[in-house]
Amino acid sequence: MEVRGFCPVHRLGDRVVIEGPRILLERTDALCIHALSVILHYAVALDEGADPVKLGLTRPEDRDHAYLQCVDPWKPYTEGGTVIFRVKRIK
């Protein structure tokens, strides 16, 4: 996870753990409603084995991860920040 600017919810190193249809709250550090809208679009596909390279979410040399970005566009449009999530499927 990378935070650009100020995010009132997430910090570098935070984890969001999803198992099937459940967000494991006891293993999740923080979860922003804006980030959830992005993560949910891809969580099921990645969990089912979709190739993050084919989805356009990473480069071939880093196919173990997908990269997703918070919907807050940050400066110059907002005073908040944006978060880039590094997503990995754990088998």
N, C-alpha and C. Protein backbone atom coordinates (compact mmCIF):
# COMPACT_ATOMS: atom_id res chain seq x y z
N MET A 1 0.84 -1.17 0.00
CA MET A 1 0.00 0.00 0.00
C MET A 1 0.89 1.23 0.00
N GLU A 2 0.48 2.19 -0.79
CA GLU A 2 1.19 3.46 -0.86
C GLU A 2 0.17 4.57 -0.68
N VAL A 3 0.47 5.54 0.17
CA VAL A 3 -0.43 6.66 0.41
C VAL A 3 0.22 7.91 -0.18
N ARG A 4 -0.51 8.57 -1.09
CA ARG A 4 -0.04 9.82 -1.68
C ARG A 4 -0.93 10.93 -1.16
N GLY A 5 -0.34 11.88 -0.48
CA GLY A 5 -1.13 12.93 0.15
C GLY A 5 -1.60 12.48 1.51
N PHE A 6 -2.78 12.92 1.91
CA PHE A 6 -3.33 12.58 3.22
C PHE A 6 -4.56 11.70 3.06
N CYS A 7 -4.52 10.55 3.66
CA CYS A 7 -5.69 9.67 3.72
C CYS A 7 -6.10 9.59 5.19
N PRO A 8 -7.35 9.92 5.51
CA PRO A 8 -7.79 9.88 6.90
C PRO A 8 -8.03 8.46 7.42
N VAL A 9 -7.95 7.46 6.56
CA VAL A 9 -8.26 6.09 6.96
C VAL A 9 -7.04 5.18 6.92
N HIS A 10 -6.34 5.15 5.80
CA HIS A 10 -5.28 4.17 5.60
C HIS A 10 -3.89 4.72 5.87
N ARG A 11 -3.04 3.84 6.35
CA ARG A 11 -1.62 4.14 6.59
C ARG A 11 -0.78 3.09 5.86
N LEU A 12 0.43 3.45 5.54
CA LEU A 12 1.36 2.53 4.90
C LEU A 12 1.42 1.23 5.70
N GLY A 13 1.24 0.10 5.02
CA GLY A 13 1.32 -1.20 5.68
C GLY A 13 0.00 -1.77 6.14
N ASP A 14 -1.08 -1.00 6.06
CA ASP A 14 -2.39 -1.52 6.44
C ASP A 14 -2.76 -2.72 5.57
N ARG A 15 -3.54 -3.63 6.15
CA ARG A 15 -4.00 -4.81 5.42
C ARG A 15 -5.52 -4.86 5.43
N VAL A 16 -6.07 -5.32 4.32
CA VAL A 16 -7.48 -5.64 4.20
C VAL A 16 -7.51 -7.11 3.78
N VAL A 17 -8.13 -7.95 4.58
CA VAL A 17 -8.14 -9.39 4.30
C VAL A 17 -9.56 -9.81 3.94
N ILE A 18 -9.67 -10.42 2.76
CA ILE A 18 -10.96 -10.88 2.25
C ILE A 18 -10.86 -12.39 2.04
N GLU A 19 -11.88 -13.10 2.51
CA GLU A 19 -11.95 -14.55 2.31
C GLU A 19 -13.33 -14.87 1.75
N GLY A 20 -13.35 -15.24 0.48
CA GLY A 20 -14.64 -15.48 -0.17
C GLY A 20 -15.46 -14.20 -0.14
N PRO A 21 -16.69 -14.28 0.35
CA PRO A 21 -17.53 -13.09 0.38
C PRO A 21 -17.37 -12.25 1.66
N ARG A 22 -16.43 -12.65 2.53
CA ARG A 22 -16.29 -11.98 3.84
C ARG A 22 -15.04 -11.13 3.91
N ILE A 23 -15.18 -9.96 4.52
CA ILE A 23 -14.02 -9.18 4.91
C ILE A 23 -13.71 -9.61 6.34
N LEU A 24 -12.50 -10.12 6.55
CA LEU A 24 -12.13 -10.60 7.88
C LEU A 24 -11.72 -9.41 8.74
N LEU A 25 -12.67 -8.89 9.47
CA LEU A 25 -12.46 -7.67 10.25
C LEU A 25 -11.36 -7.82 11.30
N GLU A 26 -11.26 -9.00 11.88
CA GLU A 26 -10.24 -9.21 12.92
C GLU A 26 -8.83 -9.20 12.35
N ARG A 27 -8.68 -9.35 11.04
CA ARG A 27 -7.35 -9.33 10.40
C ARG A 27 -7.17 -8.11 9.49
N THR A 28 -8.15 -7.20 9.49
CA THR A 28 -8.12 -6.01 8.66
C THR A 28 -7.79 -4.80 9.52
N ASP A 29 -6.80 -4.01 9.07
CA ASP A 29 -6.38 -2.85 9.85
C ASP A 29 -7.33 -1.66 9.69
N ALA A 30 -7.76 -1.40 8.47
CA ALA A 30 -8.64 -0.27 8.19
C ALA A 30 -9.31 -0.53 6.85
N LEU A 31 -10.46 0.10 6.65
CA LEU A 31 -11.14 -0.07 5.38
C LEU A 31 -11.99 1.16 5.09
N CYS A 32 -11.65 1.86 4.05
CA CYS A 32 -12.36 3.05 3.63
C CYS A 32 -13.46 2.67 2.64
N ILE A 33 -14.61 3.27 2.78
CA ILE A 33 -15.73 2.96 1.89
C ILE A 33 -15.39 3.28 0.44
N HIS A 34 -14.57 4.29 0.19
CA HIS A 34 -14.18 4.64 -1.18
C HIS A 34 -13.26 3.56 -1.75
N ALA A 35 -12.35 3.07 -0.95
CA ALA A 35 -11.44 2.02 -1.39
C ALA A 35 -12.20 0.72 -1.64
N LEU A 36 -13.18 0.46 -0.82
CA LEU A 36 -13.97 -0.77 -0.95
C LEU A 36 -14.63 -0.85 -2.32
N SER A 37 -15.08 0.29 -2.83
CA SER A 37 -15.73 0.29 -4.14
C SER A 37 -14.78 -0.16 -5.24
N VAL A 38 -13.52 0.13 -5.11
CA VAL A 38 -12.53 -0.29 -6.10
C VAL A 38 -12.12 -1.75 -5.89
N ILE A 39 -11.84 -2.10 -4.67
CA ILE A 39 -11.37 -3.45 -4.35
C ILE A 39 -12.41 -4.51 -4.74
N LEU A 40 -13.68 -4.23 -4.46
CA LEU A 40 -14.72 -5.22 -4.73
C LEU A 40 -14.87 -5.54 -6.21
N HIS A 41 -14.55 -4.61 -7.08
CA HIS A 41 -14.65 -4.87 -8.51
C HIS A 41 -13.73 -6.01 -8.94
N TYR A 42 -12.62 -6.15 -8.27
CA TYR A 42 -11.63 -7.13 -8.70
C TYR A 42 -11.43 -8.29 -7.73
N ALA A 43 -11.89 -8.19 -6.50
CA ALA A 43 -11.62 -9.23 -5.50
C ALA A 43 -12.10 -10.60 -5.94
N VAL A 44 -13.30 -10.68 -6.44
CA VAL A 44 -13.85 -11.98 -6.85
C VAL A 44 -13.08 -12.53 -8.04
N ALA A 45 -12.83 -11.71 -9.04
CA ALA A 45 -12.10 -12.17 -10.23
C ALA A 45 -10.71 -12.68 -9.86
N LEU A 46 -10.00 -11.94 -9.04
CA LEU A 46 -8.65 -12.37 -8.64
C LEU A 46 -8.72 -13.63 -7.79
N ASP A 47 -9.71 -13.72 -6.91
CA ASP A 47 -9.87 -14.91 -6.08
C ASP A 47 -10.15 -16.15 -6.93
N GLU A 48 -10.82 -15.96 -8.05
CA GLU A 48 -11.12 -17.07 -8.95
C GLU A 48 -9.98 -17.36 -9.92
N GLY A 49 -8.85 -16.67 -9.76
CA GLY A 49 -7.68 -16.97 -10.56
C GLY A 49 -7.50 -16.13 -11.80
N ALA A 50 -8.25 -15.04 -11.95
CA ALA A 50 -8.06 -14.16 -13.11
C ALA A 50 -6.64 -13.62 -13.12
N ASP A 51 -6.07 -13.52 -14.30
CA ASP A 51 -4.70 -13.05 -14.46
C ASP A 51 -4.67 -11.53 -14.34
N PRO A 52 -3.98 -10.98 -13.32
CA PRO A 52 -3.94 -9.52 -13.16
C PRO A 52 -3.27 -8.80 -14.33
N VAL A 53 -2.40 -9.49 -15.07
CA VAL A 53 -1.79 -8.88 -16.25
C VAL A 53 -2.85 -8.68 -17.33
N LYS A 54 -3.66 -9.71 -17.56
CA LYS A 54 -4.72 -9.61 -18.56
C LYS A 54 -5.78 -8.58 -18.17
N LEU A 55 -5.97 -8.38 -16.88
CA LEU A 55 -6.92 -7.38 -16.41
C LEU A 55 -6.33 -5.97 -16.46
N GLY A 56 -5.04 -5.85 -16.76
CA GLY A 56 -4.39 -4.55 -16.83
C GLY A 56 -4.05 -3.97 -15.46
N LEU A 57 -3.86 -4.85 -14.46
CA LEU A 57 -3.64 -4.39 -13.10
C LEU A 57 -2.19 -4.53 -12.63
N THR A 58 -1.31 -4.99 -13.51
CA THR A 58 0.10 -5.13 -13.16
C THR A 58 0.90 -5.39 -14.43
N ARG A 59 2.21 -5.49 -14.28
CA ARG A 59 3.10 -5.83 -15.40
C ARG A 59 3.44 -7.31 -15.34
N PRO A 60 3.84 -7.90 -16.45
CA PRO A 60 4.14 -9.34 -16.48
C PRO A 60 5.19 -9.77 -15.44
N GLU A 61 6.16 -8.94 -15.17
CA GLU A 61 7.20 -9.32 -14.21
C GLU A 61 6.73 -9.26 -12.75
N ASP A 62 5.52 -8.78 -12.51
CA ASP A 62 4.99 -8.68 -11.15
C ASP A 62 3.59 -9.29 -11.08
N ARG A 63 3.38 -10.41 -11.76
CA ARG A 63 2.03 -10.97 -11.87
C ARG A 63 1.49 -11.57 -10.58
N ASP A 64 2.28 -11.62 -9.51
CA ASP A 64 1.77 -12.08 -8.22
C ASP A 64 0.91 -11.03 -7.52
N HIS A 65 0.95 -9.80 -8.03
CA HIS A 65 0.20 -8.71 -7.41
C HIS A 65 -0.66 -8.00 -8.44
N ALA A 66 -1.73 -7.39 -7.95
CA ALA A 66 -2.53 -6.46 -8.74
C ALA A 66 -2.47 -5.12 -8.01
N TYR A 67 -2.53 -4.05 -8.74
CA TYR A 67 -2.47 -2.72 -8.14
C TYR A 67 -3.77 -1.98 -8.43
N LEU A 68 -4.40 -1.50 -7.37
CA LEU A 68 -5.67 -0.79 -7.46
C LEU A 68 -5.53 0.55 -6.77
N GLN A 69 -6.23 1.56 -7.26
CA GLN A 69 -6.10 2.89 -6.68
C GLN A 69 -7.43 3.41 -6.17
N CYS A 70 -7.39 4.06 -5.04
CA CYS A 70 -8.54 4.72 -4.44
C CYS A 70 -9.15 5.69 -5.45
N VAL A 71 -10.44 5.94 -5.32
CA VAL A 71 -11.12 6.84 -6.25
C VAL A 71 -10.86 8.32 -6.00
N ASP A 72 -10.28 8.68 -4.86
CA ASP A 72 -9.95 10.09 -4.61
C ASP A 72 -8.81 10.50 -5.54
N PRO A 73 -9.03 11.46 -6.45
CA PRO A 73 -8.00 11.81 -7.43
C PRO A 73 -6.85 12.63 -6.86
N TRP A 74 -6.99 13.17 -5.64
CA TRP A 74 -5.96 13.96 -4.98
C TRP A 74 -5.76 15.27 -5.69
N LYS A 75 -4.68 15.96 -5.36
CA LYS A 75 -4.41 17.30 -5.89
C LYS A 75 -4.23 17.25 -7.40
N PRO A 76 -4.68 18.22 -8.06
CA PRO A 76 -5.23 19.50 -7.60
C PRO A 76 -6.73 19.47 -7.39
N TYR A 77 -7.33 18.29 -7.44
CA TYR A 77 -8.79 18.20 -7.41
C TYR A 77 -9.38 18.12 -6.01
N THR A 78 -8.68 17.50 -5.07
CA THR A 78 -9.16 17.40 -3.69
C THR A 78 -8.01 17.68 -2.74
N GLU A 79 -8.33 17.92 -1.49
CA GLU A 79 -7.32 18.15 -0.47
C GLU A 79 -6.95 16.85 0.24
N GLY A 80 -7.61 15.77 -0.13
CA GLY A 80 -7.32 14.47 0.48
C GLY A 80 -6.08 13.86 -0.10
N GLY A 81 -6.13 12.59 -0.30
CA GLY A 81 -5.01 11.87 -0.87
C GLY A 81 -5.53 10.65 -1.59
N THR A 82 -4.65 9.90 -2.15
CA THR A 82 -5.05 8.68 -2.83
C THR A 82 -4.18 7.54 -2.32
N VAL A 83 -4.74 6.36 -2.35
CA VAL A 83 -4.04 5.18 -1.86
C VAL A 83 -3.93 4.18 -3.01
N ILE A 84 -2.75 3.60 -3.16
CA ILE A 84 -2.54 2.53 -4.12
C ILE A 84 -2.42 1.24 -3.33
N PHE A 85 -3.31 0.31 -3.64
CA PHE A 85 -3.34 -0.98 -2.93
C PHE A 85 -2.61 -2.03 -3.75
N ARG A 86 -1.73 -2.75 -3.10
CA ARG A 86 -1.08 -3.91 -3.73
C ARG A 86 -1.85 -5.13 -3.26
N VAL A 87 -2.50 -5.79 -4.19
CA VAL A 87 -3.41 -6.90 -3.87
C VAL A 87 -2.73 -8.20 -4.24
N LYS A 88 -2.81 -9.17 -3.33
CA LYS A 88 -2.22 -10.48 -3.57
C LYS A 88 -3.20 -11.55 -3.15
N ARG A 89 -3.35 -12.54 -3.99
CA ARG A 89 -4.18 -13.70 -3.66
C ARG A 89 -3.34 -14.66 -2.85
N ILE A 90 -3.83 -15.04 -1.68
CA ILE A 90 -3.13 -16.01 -0.84
C ILE A 90 -3.88 -17.32 -0.95
N LYS A 91 -3.16 -18.33 -1.41
CA LYS A 91 -3.80 -19.64 -1.65
C LYS A 91 -3.89 -20.47 -0.40
